């Protein structure tokens, strides 16, 4: 019978994050996030950038925080949130560098980031994390509390404050330029 190795343990991550927290993580690290995540997708990002352009404050202080790119479905009776799977991160690429410059330390989504975002991650010592797409019903089980923060009229795309326990993710892009997707491609190109 073939032997299988035990899965690598997940590193605990507790926002708000400091430089030392992000510097301790590398592309490929499995993490378990406990604490607060904020939700925002493209419509909310556009409104946040418009607020900054108008000299107005953001609906929450992004310093040290992680934004989860998610548009959760409505909860069923007895649930705090519905399905909460990640959305494609590339749709936020135009907005991410500005938020990273304000102190945002992490983002969770699925898919690739453009080079400008990867450069901003290095410059501002931040990370991009991946969550498993299609696993929204599983991921919602790690969310224990939800509060509306801003843009309620956007419905599922409103900004929410989530309290999470052991929320599973993987570091895709670290603050040193590490890129899990690129590393994986190189591994199979040479196999």
Protein backbone atom coordinates (compact mmCIF):
# COMPACT_ATOMS: atom_id res chain seq x y z
CA UNK A 1 0.00 0.00 0.00
CA UNK A 2 1.50 3.40 -0.95
CA UNK A 3 2.41 5.69 1.91
CA UNK A 4 0.92 9.13 2.02
CA UNK A 5 2.38 11.99 3.94
CA UNK A 6 0.33 14.01 6.37
CA UNK A 7 -0.83 17.37 5.05
CA UNK A 8 1.34 20.32 6.01
CA UNK A 9 0.03 22.13 9.07
CA UNK A 10 -1.71 25.43 8.48
CA UNK A 11 0.07 28.52 9.78
CA UNK A 12 -2.13 30.68 12.00
CA UNK A 13 -2.87 34.17 10.66
CA UNK A 14 -4.57 36.78 12.86
CA UNK A 15 -5.42 40.15 11.30
CA UNK A 16 -4.63 42.98 11.63
CA UNK A 17 -1.28 42.09 10.10
CA UNK A 18 2.07 43.83 10.44
CA UNK A 19 5.08 43.58 8.14
CA UNK A 20 6.55 40.83 10.33
CA UNK A 21 3.40 38.73 9.83
CA UNK A 22 3.52 38.90 6.04
CA UNK A 23 7.30 38.45 5.96
CA UNK A 24 6.85 35.12 7.79
CA UNK A 25 4.74 33.72 4.93
CA UNK A 26 5.88 32.27 1.61
CA UNK A 27 4.05 31.33 -1.57
CA UNK A 28 2.62 27.84 -1.04
CA UNK A 29 2.10 28.19 2.72
CA UNK A 30 -1.25 26.90 3.97
CA UNK A 31 -2.84 29.28 6.46
CA UNK A 32 -5.77 29.32 8.87
CA UNK A 33 -7.13 32.82 9.43
CA UNK A 34 -8.85 33.67 12.70
CA UNK A 35 -10.17 37.16 13.31
CA UNK A 36 -11.69 39.76 11.00
CA UNK A 37 -11.92 39.81 7.20
CA UNK A 38 -13.68 42.50 5.17
CA UNK A 39 -15.62 41.67 2.02
CA UNK A 40 -15.51 43.76 -1.15
CA UNK A 41 -15.89 43.07 -4.84
CA UNK A 42 -15.59 45.27 -7.93
CA UNK A 43 -18.58 47.57 -7.28
CA UNK A 44 -17.49 48.24 -3.69
CA UNK A 45 -13.89 48.78 -4.78
CA UNK A 46 -15.01 51.35 -7.37
CA UNK A 47 -16.95 53.23 -4.66
CA UNK A 48 -14.01 53.12 -2.24
CA UNK A 49 -11.63 54.53 -4.85
CA UNK A 50 -14.20 57.22 -5.74
CA UNK A 51 -14.37 58.14 -2.03
CA UNK A 52 -10.58 58.46 -1.89
CA UNK A 53 -10.60 60.58 -5.06
CA UNK A 54 -13.17 62.89 -3.42
CA UNK A 55 -11.05 63.19 -0.26
CA UNK A 56 -13.50 61.15 1.80
CA UNK A 57 -12.61 58.35 4.22
CA UNK A 58 -12.99 54.68 3.39
CA UNK A 59 -15.83 52.80 5.11
CA UNK A 60 -13.22 50.96 7.22
CA UNK A 61 -9.55 51.44 8.00
CA UNK A 62 -7.70 49.11 5.60
CA UNK A 63 -4.42 49.30 7.53
CA UNK A 64 -3.31 45.77 8.42
CA UNK A 65 -6.52 44.24 7.13
CA UNK A 66 -7.40 41.48 4.65
CA UNK A 67 -10.12 41.93 2.03
CA UNK A 68 -11.95 38.80 0.92
CA UNK A 69 -13.25 39.06 -2.64
CA UNK A 70 -16.62 37.44 -2.05
CA UNK A 71 -20.28 38.10 -2.76
CA UNK A 72 -21.99 35.78 -0.29
CA UNK A 73 -25.44 34.39 -0.92
CA UNK A 74 -28.22 35.14 1.59
CA UNK A 75 -28.16 32.90 4.66
CA UNK A 76 -30.71 30.18 5.22
CA UNK A 77 -32.58 30.18 8.53
CA UNK A 78 -30.14 29.44 11.36
CA UNK A 79 -27.05 30.42 9.31
CA UNK A 80 -25.00 33.60 9.67
CA UNK A 81 -24.10 33.67 5.96
CA UNK A 82 -24.86 31.76 2.79
CA UNK A 83 -22.35 30.26 0.42
CA UNK A 84 -19.17 32.36 0.57
CA UNK A 85 -16.74 31.30 -2.14
CA UNK A 86 -14.08 33.57 -3.64
CA UNK A 87 -14.52 35.58 -6.80
CA UNK A 88 -11.93 36.23 -9.49
CA UNK A 89 -9.28 38.54 -8.06
CA UNK A 90 -8.18 40.01 -11.38
CA UNK A 91 -11.33 42.15 -11.44
CA UNK A 92 -9.88 44.11 -8.49
CA UNK A 93 -6.41 44.57 -10.00
CA UNK A 94 -7.09 48.18 -11.01
CA UNK A 95 -7.91 49.09 -7.39
CA UNK A 96 -5.58 46.92 -5.31
CA UNK A 97 -2.32 48.92 -5.58
CA UNK A 98 -3.97 52.05 -4.15
CA UNK A 99 -5.41 50.14 -1.19
CA UNK A 100 -2.08 48.39 -0.59
CA UNK A 101 -0.39 51.81 -0.46
CA UNK A 102 -2.84 52.72 2.34
CA UNK A 103 -1.75 49.71 4.40
CA UNK A 104 -3.94 46.82 3.22
CA UNK A 105 -1.94 43.68 4.03
CA UNK A 106 -3.83 40.91 2.29
CA UNK A 107 -6.43 39.92 -0.24
CA UNK A 108 -8.22 36.60 -0.74
CA UNK A 109 -9.63 35.53 -4.08
CA UNK A 110 -9.07 33.08 -6.89
CA UNK A 111 -6.98 33.34 -10.01
CA UNK A 112 -3.98 35.33 -11.12
CA UNK A 113 -2.96 38.92 -10.26
CA UNK A 114 -1.35 41.29 -12.74
CA UNK A 115 2.28 42.41 -12.48
CA UNK A 116 1.33 45.81 -11.03
CA UNK A 117 -0.41 44.11 -8.10
CA UNK A 118 2.50 41.71 -7.58
CA UNK A 119 4.92 44.66 -7.53
CA UNK A 120 2.69 46.48 -5.03
CA UNK A 121 2.63 43.37 -2.79
CA UNK A 122 6.43 43.47 -2.65
CA UNK A 123 6.59 47.25 -2.17
CA UNK A 124 4.05 47.27 0.68
CA UNK A 125 4.91 43.89 2.24
CA UNK A 126 1.51 42.36 1.61
CA UNK A 127 0.19 38.97 0.43
CA UNK A 128 -2.38 37.55 -1.93
CA UNK A 129 -4.14 34.41 -0.74
CA UNK A 130 -6.20 31.90 -2.65
CA UNK A 131 -9.34 30.21 -1.39
CA UNK A 132 -10.85 27.22 -3.16
CA UNK A 133 -13.41 28.26 -5.74
CA UNK A 134 -16.56 26.16 -5.74
CA UNK A 135 -16.25 25.48 -2.01
CA UNK A 136 -18.43 28.36 -0.78
CA UNK A 137 -20.70 26.13 1.32
CA UNK A 138 -17.64 24.71 3.08
CA UNK A 139 -15.97 28.10 3.56
CA UNK A 140 -19.10 29.61 5.12
CA UNK A 141 -18.71 27.18 8.03
CA UNK A 142 -15.60 29.13 9.09
CA UNK A 143 -17.55 32.42 9.28
CA UNK A 144 -19.14 32.92 12.69
CA UNK A 145 -20.41 36.50 12.51
CA UNK A 146 -21.35 39.00 9.78
CA UNK A 147 -21.95 42.74 10.06
CA UNK A 148 -22.90 45.20 7.31
CA UNK A 149 -20.28 47.95 6.97
CA UNK A 150 -21.11 49.99 3.86
CA UNK A 151 -22.87 50.17 0.50
CA UNK A 152 -25.82 48.02 1.58
CA UNK A 153 -27.59 48.98 -1.65
CA UNK A 154 -25.03 46.84 -3.53
CA UNK A 155 -26.63 43.73 -2.06
CA UNK A 156 -24.25 40.79 -2.20
CA UNK A 157 -21.40 43.14 -3.18
CA UNK A 158 -21.75 45.35 -0.08
CA UNK A 159 -18.83 45.69 2.31
CA UNK A 160 -19.22 43.36 5.27
CA UNK A 161 -17.14 42.61 8.35
CA UNK A 162 -16.71 38.86 8.85
CA UNK A 163 -15.46 37.15 11.95
CA UNK A 164 -13.77 33.90 10.94
CA UNK A 165 -12.22 30.93 12.71
CA UNK A 166 -9.53 28.82 11.02
CA UNK A 167 -10.54 30.10 7.57
CA UNK A 168 -8.44 28.02 5.13
CA UNK A 169 -6.37 29.70 2.43
CA UNK A 170 -3.05 29.33 0.64
CA UNK A 171 -0.44 32.01 -0.04
CA UNK A 172 -0.34 32.56 -3.81
CA UNK A 173 1.85 35.68 -3.97
CA UNK A 174 4.14 36.58 -1.07
CA UNK A 175 5.84 39.88 -0.28
CA UNK A 176 9.16 38.65 -1.69
CA UNK A 177 7.91 38.07 -5.24
CA UNK A 178 7.12 34.39 -4.71
CA UNK A 179 4.34 33.16 -6.99
CA UNK A 180 2.77 29.75 -6.40
CA UNK A 181 1.16 29.66 -9.84
CA UNK A 182 4.44 30.40 -11.63
CA UNK A 183 6.30 27.86 -9.47
CA UNK A 184 3.71 25.21 -10.28
CA UNK A 185 3.96 25.86 -14.00
CA UNK A 186 7.77 25.61 -13.89
CA UNK A 187 7.55 22.33 -11.97
CA UNK A 188 5.37 20.68 -14.63
CA UNK A 189 7.22 22.17 -17.59
CA UNK A 190 10.34 20.39 -16.39
CA UNK A 191 8.66 17.11 -15.47
